[in-house]
Amino acid sequence: MEKIDAAVFNLGYLPQHSKEVFTKPDTTILSLNSLIPLLKDSGRIYIATYISHDKGYEISKIMDYLNNLNRNKYNV
């Protein structure tokens, strides 16, 4: 599989649309877990999050996941 340079996550819900449809920590972390091995050595993942929709719950869970990555291999 071809390696990628970058990926972008825009978390939360789509403004001016249903607030019943939004991203969730478990599925976001599954996506990150699948994506990370596809990054080139200098690859980047950008994550935009809006903490008001869940009081920061999702980004807190994602940061827990990211902070537990191998620091010798990944720069968080």
N, C-alpha and C. Protein backbone atom coordinates (compact mmCIF):
# COMPACT_ATOMS: atom_id res chain seq x y z
N MET A 1 0.84 -1.17 0.00
CA MET A 1 0.00 0.00 0.00
C MET A 1 0.89 1.24 0.00
N GLU A 2 0.48 2.25 -0.73
CA GLU A 2 1.25 3.49 -0.84
C GLU A 2 1.18 4.28 0.47
N LYS A 3 2.32 4.80 0.88
CA LYS A 3 2.39 5.63 2.09
C LYS A 3 1.86 7.04 1.77
N ILE A 4 1.34 7.70 2.80
CA ILE A 4 0.76 9.04 2.60
C ILE A 4 1.57 10.08 3.36
N ASP A 5 1.49 11.33 2.87
CA ASP A 5 2.20 12.45 3.50
C ASP A 5 1.43 13.03 4.68
N ALA A 6 0.10 13.11 4.54
CA ALA A 6 -0.69 13.80 5.56
C ALA A 6 -2.13 13.33 5.55
N ALA A 7 -2.78 13.57 6.68
CA ALA A 7 -4.21 13.31 6.82
C ALA A 7 -4.79 14.40 7.71
N VAL A 8 -6.08 14.69 7.52
CA VAL A 8 -6.76 15.72 8.29
C VAL A 8 -8.02 15.14 8.90
N PHE A 9 -8.21 15.39 10.18
CA PHE A 9 -9.45 15.03 10.88
C PHE A 9 -10.12 16.33 11.32
N ASN A 10 -11.40 16.46 11.05
CA ASN A 10 -12.19 17.61 11.50
C ASN A 10 -13.31 17.03 12.36
N LEU A 11 -13.12 17.06 13.66
CA LEU A 11 -13.99 16.34 14.58
C LEU A 11 -15.16 17.19 15.07
N GLY A 12 -16.18 16.51 15.53
CA GLY A 12 -17.36 17.18 16.06
C GLY A 12 -18.55 16.88 15.18
N TYR A 13 -19.33 17.91 14.92
CA TYR A 13 -20.49 17.77 14.04
C TYR A 13 -20.43 18.84 12.97
N LEU A 14 -21.21 18.67 11.93
CA LEU A 14 -21.24 19.61 10.82
C LEU A 14 -22.11 20.79 11.20
N PRO A 15 -21.54 22.00 11.29
CA PRO A 15 -22.33 23.17 11.67
C PRO A 15 -23.55 23.36 10.77
N GLN A 16 -24.62 23.81 11.36
CA GLN A 16 -25.88 24.08 10.68
C GLN A 16 -26.55 22.82 10.16
N HIS A 17 -26.16 21.68 10.71
CA HIS A 17 -26.79 20.40 10.38
C HIS A 17 -27.15 19.71 11.68
N SER A 18 -27.65 18.52 11.59
CA SER A 18 -28.10 17.78 12.77
C SER A 18 -26.96 17.59 13.78
N LYS A 19 -27.24 17.96 15.01
CA LYS A 19 -26.26 17.74 16.07
C LYS A 19 -26.35 16.32 16.61
N GLU A 20 -27.22 15.53 16.00
CA GLU A 20 -27.35 14.12 16.37
C GLU A 20 -26.28 13.27 15.68
N VAL A 21 -25.64 13.82 14.66
CA VAL A 21 -24.60 13.11 13.91
C VAL A 21 -23.27 13.79 14.22
N PHE A 22 -22.38 13.07 14.88
CA PHE A 22 -21.10 13.65 15.26
C PHE A 22 -20.06 12.54 15.42
N THR A 23 -18.80 12.95 15.45
CA THR A 23 -17.72 11.97 15.61
C THR A 23 -17.67 11.49 17.05
N LYS A 24 -17.13 10.29 17.21
CA LYS A 24 -17.05 9.67 18.54
C LYS A 24 -15.61 9.18 18.77
N PRO A 25 -15.15 9.22 20.01
CA PRO A 25 -13.76 8.84 20.29
C PRO A 25 -13.38 7.45 19.80
N ASP A 26 -14.24 6.47 20.03
CA ASP A 26 -13.88 5.09 19.67
C ASP A 26 -13.63 4.93 18.17
N THR A 27 -14.49 5.50 17.35
CA THR A 27 -14.31 5.36 15.90
C THR A 27 -13.17 6.24 15.39
N THR A 28 -12.97 7.39 16.02
CA THR A 28 -11.85 8.24 15.63
C THR A 28 -10.53 7.54 15.94
N ILE A 29 -10.43 6.93 17.10
CA ILE A 29 -9.21 6.22 17.49
C ILE A 29 -8.98 5.00 16.59
N LEU A 30 -10.04 4.30 16.23
CA LEU A 30 -9.89 3.19 15.27
C LEU A 30 -9.34 3.70 13.95
N SER A 31 -9.84 4.84 13.50
CA SER A 31 -9.35 5.43 12.25
C SER A 31 -7.88 5.82 12.36
N LEU A 32 -7.52 6.46 13.46
CA LEU A 32 -6.12 6.83 13.67
C LEU A 32 -5.22 5.60 13.71
N ASN A 33 -5.68 4.58 14.39
CA ASN A 33 -4.90 3.34 14.51
C ASN A 33 -4.66 2.70 13.14
N SER A 34 -5.63 2.79 12.25
CA SER A 34 -5.48 2.26 10.90
C SER A 34 -4.63 3.17 10.02
N LEU A 35 -4.69 4.46 10.28
CA LEU A 35 -4.01 5.44 9.44
C LEU A 35 -2.52 5.56 9.77
N ILE A 36 -2.17 5.53 11.01
CA ILE A 36 -0.78 5.78 11.43
C ILE A 36 0.23 4.91 10.69
N PRO A 37 -0.01 3.61 10.50
CA PRO A 37 0.97 2.80 9.76
C PRO A 37 1.13 3.21 8.29
N LEU A 38 0.19 3.96 7.77
CA LEU A 38 0.24 4.38 6.37
C LEU A 38 1.05 5.66 6.16
N LEU A 39 1.44 6.32 7.26
CA LEU A 39 2.18 7.57 7.14
C LEU A 39 3.62 7.33 6.70
N LYS A 40 4.11 8.22 5.85
CA LYS A 40 5.54 8.24 5.55
C LYS A 40 6.28 8.62 6.83
N ASP A 41 7.59 8.41 6.85
CA ASP A 41 8.37 8.74 8.04
C ASP A 41 8.19 10.19 8.48
N SER A 42 8.04 11.08 7.53
CA SER A 42 7.85 12.50 7.87
C SER A 42 6.38 12.91 7.78
N GLY A 43 5.48 11.94 7.76
CA GLY A 43 4.06 12.22 7.61
C GLY A 43 3.46 12.92 8.82
N ARG A 44 2.33 13.58 8.58
CA ARG A 44 1.65 14.35 9.62
C ARG A 44 0.17 14.02 9.64
N ILE A 45 -0.41 14.09 10.82
CA ILE A 45 -1.86 14.03 10.98
C ILE A 45 -2.28 15.31 11.68
N TYR A 46 -3.22 16.01 11.10
CA TYR A 46 -3.75 17.24 11.69
C TYR A 46 -5.15 16.95 12.21
N ILE A 47 -5.40 17.36 13.45
CA ILE A 47 -6.70 17.11 14.06
C ILE A 47 -7.29 18.43 14.53
N ALA A 48 -8.44 18.80 13.94
CA ALA A 48 -9.20 19.97 14.39
C ALA A 48 -10.37 19.45 15.20
N THR A 49 -10.57 20.02 16.37
CA THR A 49 -11.66 19.57 17.22
C THR A 49 -12.37 20.77 17.83
N TYR A 50 -13.62 20.60 18.11
CA TYR A 50 -14.45 21.64 18.69
C TYR A 50 -14.96 21.09 20.02
N ILE A 51 -14.38 21.57 21.10
CA ILE A 51 -14.66 20.96 22.40
C ILE A 51 -16.04 21.29 22.94
N SER A 52 -16.72 22.26 22.36
CA SER A 52 -18.01 22.66 22.93
C SER A 52 -19.09 21.59 22.75
N HIS A 53 -18.98 20.74 21.74
CA HIS A 53 -20.05 19.77 21.51
C HIS A 53 -20.04 18.64 22.53
N ASP A 54 -18.92 18.36 23.15
CA ASP A 54 -18.88 17.26 24.13
C ASP A 54 -18.02 17.60 25.35
N LYS A 55 -17.80 18.90 25.54
CA LYS A 55 -17.00 19.40 26.68
C LYS A 55 -15.58 18.83 26.70
N GLY A 56 -15.04 18.53 25.53
CA GLY A 56 -13.67 18.06 25.42
C GLY A 56 -13.46 16.57 25.61
N TYR A 57 -14.55 15.81 25.72
CA TYR A 57 -14.44 14.37 25.98
C TYR A 57 -13.68 13.66 24.86
N GLU A 58 -14.06 13.93 23.60
CA GLU A 58 -13.43 13.21 22.48
C GLU A 58 -11.94 13.50 22.40
N ILE A 59 -11.57 14.77 22.44
CA ILE A 59 -10.14 15.09 22.31
C ILE A 59 -9.35 14.57 23.51
N SER A 60 -9.97 14.52 24.67
CA SER A 60 -9.30 13.94 25.85
C SER A 60 -8.97 12.47 25.61
N LYS A 61 -9.91 11.71 25.08
CA LYS A 61 -9.68 10.29 24.79
C LYS A 61 -8.63 10.12 23.69
N ILE A 62 -8.69 10.98 22.68
CA ILE A 62 -7.73 10.91 21.58
C ILE A 62 -6.32 11.24 22.08
N MET A 63 -6.20 12.26 22.93
CA MET A 63 -4.89 12.61 23.47
C MET A 63 -4.34 11.49 24.35
N ASP A 64 -5.21 10.81 25.10
CA ASP A 64 -4.76 9.64 25.87
C ASP A 64 -4.16 8.60 24.93
N TYR A 65 -4.85 8.35 23.83
CA TYR A 65 -4.36 7.38 22.84
C TYR A 65 -3.02 7.84 22.25
N LEU A 66 -2.96 9.09 21.79
CA LEU A 66 -1.75 9.60 21.15
C LEU A 66 -0.57 9.65 22.12
N ASN A 67 -0.83 10.01 23.36
CA ASN A 67 0.25 10.09 24.35
C ASN A 67 0.81 8.73 24.73
N ASN A 68 0.12 7.68 24.37
CA ASN A 68 0.62 6.32 24.64
C ASN A 68 1.31 5.69 23.44
N LEU A 69 1.45 6.44 22.36
CA LEU A 69 2.21 5.94 21.21
C LEU A 69 3.70 5.91 21.57
N ASN A 70 4.45 5.09 20.88
CA ASN A 70 5.89 4.96 21.09
C ASN A 70 6.57 6.29 20.77
N ARG A 71 7.11 6.94 21.80
CA ARG A 71 7.75 8.25 21.63
C ARG A 71 9.04 8.17 20.81
N ASN A 72 9.62 6.99 20.70
CA ASN A 72 10.82 6.83 19.88
C ASN A 72 10.47 6.77 18.40
N LYS A 73 9.22 6.51 18.11
CA LYS A 73 8.78 6.37 16.72
C LYS A 73 7.90 7.53 16.25
N TYR A 74 7.14 8.12 17.18
CA TYR A 74 6.16 9.16 16.82
C TYR A 74 6.39 10.41 17.64
N ASN A 75 6.18 11.55 17.01
CA ASN A 75 6.27 12.85 17.67
C ASN A 75 4.86 13.40 17.82
N VAL A 76 4.38 13.45 19.05
CA VAL A 76 3.02 13.92 19.31
C VAL A 76 3.10 15.32 19.87
